[in-house]
PDB file of N, CA and C in Angstrom:
ATOM      1  N   MET A   1      92.653  95.484 107.397  1.00  0.00           N
ATOM      2  CA  MET A   1      92.679  95.634 108.827  1.00  0.00           C
ATOM      3  C   MET A   1      92.403  94.275 109.459  1.00  0.00           C
ATOM      4  N   ILE A   2      92.990  94.062 110.606  1.00  0.00           N
ATOM      5  CA  ILE A   2      92.697  92.872 111.404  1.00  0.00           C
ATOM      6  C   ILE A   2      92.044  93.359 112.682  1.00  0.00           C
ATOM      7  N   ASP A   3      90.834  92.892 112.969  1.00  0.00           N
ATOM      8  CA  ASP A   3      90.125  93.383 114.149  1.00  0.00           C
ATOM      9  C   ASP A   3      90.559  92.654 115.417  1.00  0.00           C
ATOM     10  N   GLN A   4      89.928  92.993 116.538  1.00  0.00           N
ATOM     11  CA  GLN A   4      90.316  92.446 117.835  1.00  0.00           C
ATOM     12  C   GLN A   4      90.064  90.938 117.940  1.00  0.00           C
ATOM     13  N   TYR A   5      89.297  90.373 117.012  1.00  0.00           N
ATOM     14  CA  TYR A   5      89.015  88.931 117.013  1.00  0.00           C
ATOM     15  C   TYR A   5      89.910  88.173 116.039  1.00  0.00           C
ATOM     16  N   GLY A   6      90.799  88.900 115.361  1.00  0.00           N
ATOM     17  CA  GLY A   6      91.692  88.279 114.387  1.00  0.00           C
ATOM     18  C   GLY A   6      91.065  88.119 113.016  1.00  0.00           C
ATOM     19  N   ASP A   7      89.893  88.745 112.793  1.00  0.00           N
ATOM     20  CA  ASP A   7      89.232  88.668 111.496  1.00  0.00           C
ATOM     21  C   ASP A   7      89.792  89.736 110.563  1.00  0.00           C
ATOM     22  N   TYR A   8      89.849  89.414 109.264  1.00  0.00           N
ATOM     23  CA  TYR A   8      90.402  90.313 108.257  1.00  0.00           C
ATOM     24  C   TYR A   8      89.288  91.110 107.578  1.00  0.00           C
ATOM     25  N   TRP A   9      89.556  92.412 107.362  1.00  0.00           N
ATOM     26  CA  TRP A   9      88.627  93.326 106.702  1.00  0.00           C
ATOM     27  C   TRP A   9      89.357  94.051 105.580  1.00  0.00           C
ATOM     28  N   LEU A  10      88.651  94.316 104.480  1.00  0.00           N
ATOM     29  CA  LEU A  10      89.187  95.075 103.352  1.00  0.00           C
ATOM     30  C   LEU A  10      88.292  96.273 103.080  1.00  0.00           C
ATOM     31  N   GLU A  11      88.892  97.395 102.712  1.00  0.00           N
ATOM     32  CA  GLU A  11      88.111  98.543 102.262  1.00  0.00           C
ATOM     33  C   GLU A  11      88.368  98.713 100.770  1.00  0.00           C
ATOM     34  N   VAL A  12      87.296  98.742  99.987  1.00  0.00           N
ATOM     35  CA  VAL A  12      87.384  98.895  98.540  1.00  0.00           C
ATOM     36  C   VAL A  12      86.915 100.300  98.184  1.00  0.00           C
ATOM     37  N   ASN A  13      87.803 101.098  97.610  1.00  0.00           N
ATOM     38  CA  ASN A  13      87.498 102.475  97.205  1.00  0.00           C
ATOM     39  C   ASN A  13      87.382 102.527  95.682  1.00  0.00           C
ATOM     40  N   TYR A  14      86.387 103.269  95.191  1.00  0.00           N
ATOM     41  CA  TYR A  14      86.195 103.386  93.753  1.00  0.00           C
ATOM     42  C   TYR A  14      85.336 104.619  93.454  1.00  0.00           C
ATOM     43  N   LEU A  15      85.187 104.945  92.180  1.00  0.00           N
ATOM     44  CA  LEU A  15      84.285 106.008  91.745  1.00  0.00           C
ATOM     45  C   LEU A  15      83.009 105.348  91.236  1.00  0.00           C
ATOM     46  N   ASP A  16      81.848 105.810  91.727  1.00  0.00           N
ATOM     47  CA  ASP A  16      80.582 105.218  91.305  1.00  0.00           C
ATOM     48  C   ASP A  16      80.206 105.694  89.899  1.00  0.00           C
ATOM     49  N   ASP A  17      79.021 105.297  89.423  1.00  0.00           N
ATOM     50  CA  ASP A  17      78.572 105.640  88.069  1.00  0.00           C
ATOM     51  C   ASP A  17      78.455 107.143  87.839  1.00  0.00           C
ATOM     52  N   ASN A  18      78.311 107.920  88.913  1.00  0.00           N
ATOM     53  CA  ASN A  18      78.222 109.377  88.805  1.00  0.00           C
ATOM     54  C   ASN A  18      79.575 110.062  88.989  1.00  0.00           C
ATOM     55  N   GLY A  19      80.657 109.262  89.109  1.00  0.00           N
ATOM     56  CA  GLY A  19      81.982 109.820  89.297  1.00  0.00           C
ATOM     57  C   GLY A  19      82.265 110.263  90.722  1.00  0.00           C
ATOM     58  N   GLU A  20      81.385 109.885  91.656  1.00  0.00           N
ATOM     59  CA  GLU A  20      81.553 110.241  93.061  1.00  0.00           C
ATOM     60  C   GLU A  20      82.345 109.153  93.792  1.00  0.00           C
ATOM     61  N   PRO A  21      83.201 109.547  94.745  1.00  0.00           N
ATOM     62  CA  PRO A  21      83.926 108.543  95.534  1.00  0.00           C
ATOM     63  C   PRO A  21      82.946 107.668  96.332  1.00  0.00           C
ATOM     64  N   ALA A  22      83.235 106.379  96.379  1.00  0.00           N
ATOM     65  CA  ALA A  22      82.420 105.435  97.137  1.00  0.00           C
ATOM     66  C   ALA A  22      83.354 104.387  97.736  1.00  0.00           C
ATOM     67  N   PHE A  23      82.893 103.706  98.783  1.00  0.00           N
ATOM     68  CA  PHE A  23      83.694 102.622  99.351  1.00  0.00           C
ATOM     69  C   PHE A  23      82.780 101.591  99.991  1.00  0.00           C
ATOM     70  N   ASN A  24      83.297 100.382 100.072  1.00  0.00           N
ATOM     71  CA  ASN A  24      82.634  99.283 100.776  1.00  0.00           C
ATOM     72  C   ASN A  24      83.651  98.650 101.701  1.00  0.00           C
ATOM     73  N   THR A  25      83.201  98.196 102.853  1.00  0.00           N
ATOM     74  CA  THR A  25      84.048  97.467 103.790  1.00  0.00           C
ATOM     75  C   THR A  25      83.597  96.014 103.770  1.00  0.00           C
ATOM     76  N   LEU A  26      84.531  95.108 103.501  1.00  0.00           N
ATOM     77  CA  LEU A  26      84.220  93.693 103.355  1.00  0.00           C
ATOM     78  C   LEU A  26      84.958  92.876 104.408  1.00  0.00           C
ATOM     79  N   LYS A  27      84.263  91.951 105.061  1.00  0.00           N
ATOM     80  CA  LYS A  27      84.887  91.037 106.022  1.00  0.00           C
ATOM     81  C   LYS A  27      85.153  89.722 105.305  1.00  0.00           C
ATOM     82  N   LEU A  28      86.412  89.272 105.365  1.00  0.00           N
ATOM     83  CA  LEU A  28      86.772  87.997 104.760  1.00  0.00           C
ATOM     84  C   LEU A  28      86.414  86.866 105.720  1.00  0.00           C
ATOM     85  N   GLU A  29      85.657  85.917 105.241  1.00  0.00           N
ATOM     86  CA  GLU A  29      85.252  84.786 106.072  1.00  0.00           C
ATOM     87  C   GLU A  29      86.373  83.746 106.132  1.00  0.00           C
ATOM     88  N   THR A  30      86.609  83.217 107.321  1.00  0.00           N
ATOM     89  CA  THR A  30      87.633  82.193 107.520  1.00  0.00           C
ATOM     90  C   THR A  30      87.386  81.034 106.564  1.00  0.00           C
ATOM     91  N   GLY A  31      88.448  80.569 105.917  1.00  0.00           N
ATOM     92  CA  GLY A  31      88.351  79.444 104.993  1.00  0.00           C
ATOM     93  C   GLY A  31      88.082  79.856 103.555  1.00  0.00           C
ATOM     94  N   THR A  32      87.859  81.151 103.302  1.00  0.00           N
ATOM     95  CA  THR A  32      87.594  81.598 101.929  1.00  0.00           C
ATOM     96  C   THR A  32      88.824  82.238 101.291  1.00  0.00           C
ATOM     97  N   TYR A  33      89.958  82.201 101.973  1.00  0.00           N
ATOM     98  CA  TYR A  33      91.182  82.802 101.451  1.00  0.00           C
ATOM     99  C   TYR A  33      92.375  81.988 101.935  1.00  0.00           C
ATOM    100  N   SER A  34      93.515  82.197 101.289  1.00  0.00           N
ATOM    101  CA  SER A  34      94.770  81.565 101.683  1.00  0.00           C
ATOM    102  C   SER A  34      95.738  82.659 102.101  1.00  0.00           C
ATOM    103  N   LEU A  35      96.369  82.487 103.252  1.00  0.00           N
ATOM    104  CA  LEU A  35      97.389  83.440 103.697  1.00  0.00           C
ATOM    105  C   LEU A  35      98.681  83.169 102.943  1.00  0.00           C
ATOM    106  N   ILE A  36      99.391  84.241 102.578  1.00  0.00           N
ATOM    107  CA  ILE A  36     100.687  84.104 101.934  1.00  0.00           C
ATOM    108  C   ILE A  36     101.745  84.697 102.855  1.00  0.00           C
ATOM    109  N   GLU A  37     102.940  84.189 102.742  1.00  0.00           N
ATOM    110  CA  GLU A  37     104.028  84.670 103.581  1.00  0.00           C
ATOM    111  C   GLU A  37     104.449  86.057 103.108  1.00  0.00           C
ATOM    112  N   ALA A  38     104.630  86.972 104.046  1.00  0.00           N
ATOM    113  CA  ALA A  38     105.026  88.341 103.707  1.00  0.00           C
ATOM    114  C   ALA A  38     105.872  88.921 104.833  1.00  0.00           C
ATOM    115  N   ASP A  39     106.617  89.957 104.504  1.00  0.00           N
ATOM    116  CA  ASP A  39     107.401  90.664 105.511  1.00  0.00           C
ATOM    117  C   ASP A  39     106.471  91.502 106.380  1.00  0.00           C
ATOM    118  N   THR A  40     106.792  91.650 107.646  1.00  0.00           N
ATOM    119  CA  THR A  40     106.007  92.513 108.527  1.00  0.00           C
ATOM    120  C   THR A  40     106.374  93.968 108.279  1.00  0.00           C
ATOM    121  N   TYR A  41     105.475  94.866 108.608  1.00  0.00           N
ATOM    122  CA  TYR A  41     105.728  96.289 108.452  1.00  0.00           C
ATOM    123  C   TYR A  41     104.928  97.051 109.493  1.00  0.00           C
ATOM    124  N   GLU A  42     105.318  98.294 109.744  1.00  0.00           N
ATOM    125  CA  GLU A  42     104.644  99.134 110.725  1.00  0.00           C
ATOM    126  C   GLU A  42     103.709 100.096 110.011  1.00  0.00           C
ATOM    127  N   VAL A  43     102.487 100.205 110.501  1.00  0.00           N
ATOM    128  CA  VAL A  43     101.515 101.129 109.943  1.00  0.00           C
ATOM    129  C   VAL A  43     101.557 102.413 110.755  1.00  0.00           C
ATOM    130  N   LEU A  44     101.763 103.533 110.071  1.00  0.00           N
ATOM    131  CA  LEU A  44     101.815 104.825 110.735  1.00  0.00           C
ATOM    132  C   LEU A  44     100.454 105.491 110.623  1.00  0.00           C
ATOM    133  N   SER A  45      99.951 106.033 111.732  1.00  0.00           N
ATOM    134  CA  SER A  45      98.683 106.763 111.698  1.00  0.00           C
ATOM    135  C   SER A  45      98.795 107.990 112.582  1.00  0.00           C
ATOM    136  N   GLU A  46      97.897 108.926 112.377  1.00  0.00           N
ATOM    137  CA  GLU A  46      97.922 110.156 113.144  1.00  0.00           C
ATOM    138  C   GLU A  46      96.967 110.074 114.308  1.00  0.00           C
TER     139      GLU A  46
END
């Protein structure tokens, strides 16, 4: 996701040690990643 400030966020979904669904939301700090060229696409939501 890209927030209203242009910052990038990732959601990481996984199963914890007990087999239960878990997730973490991580904010990518500017300068810690490289952007790659990609095609644009439309995200559909309800």
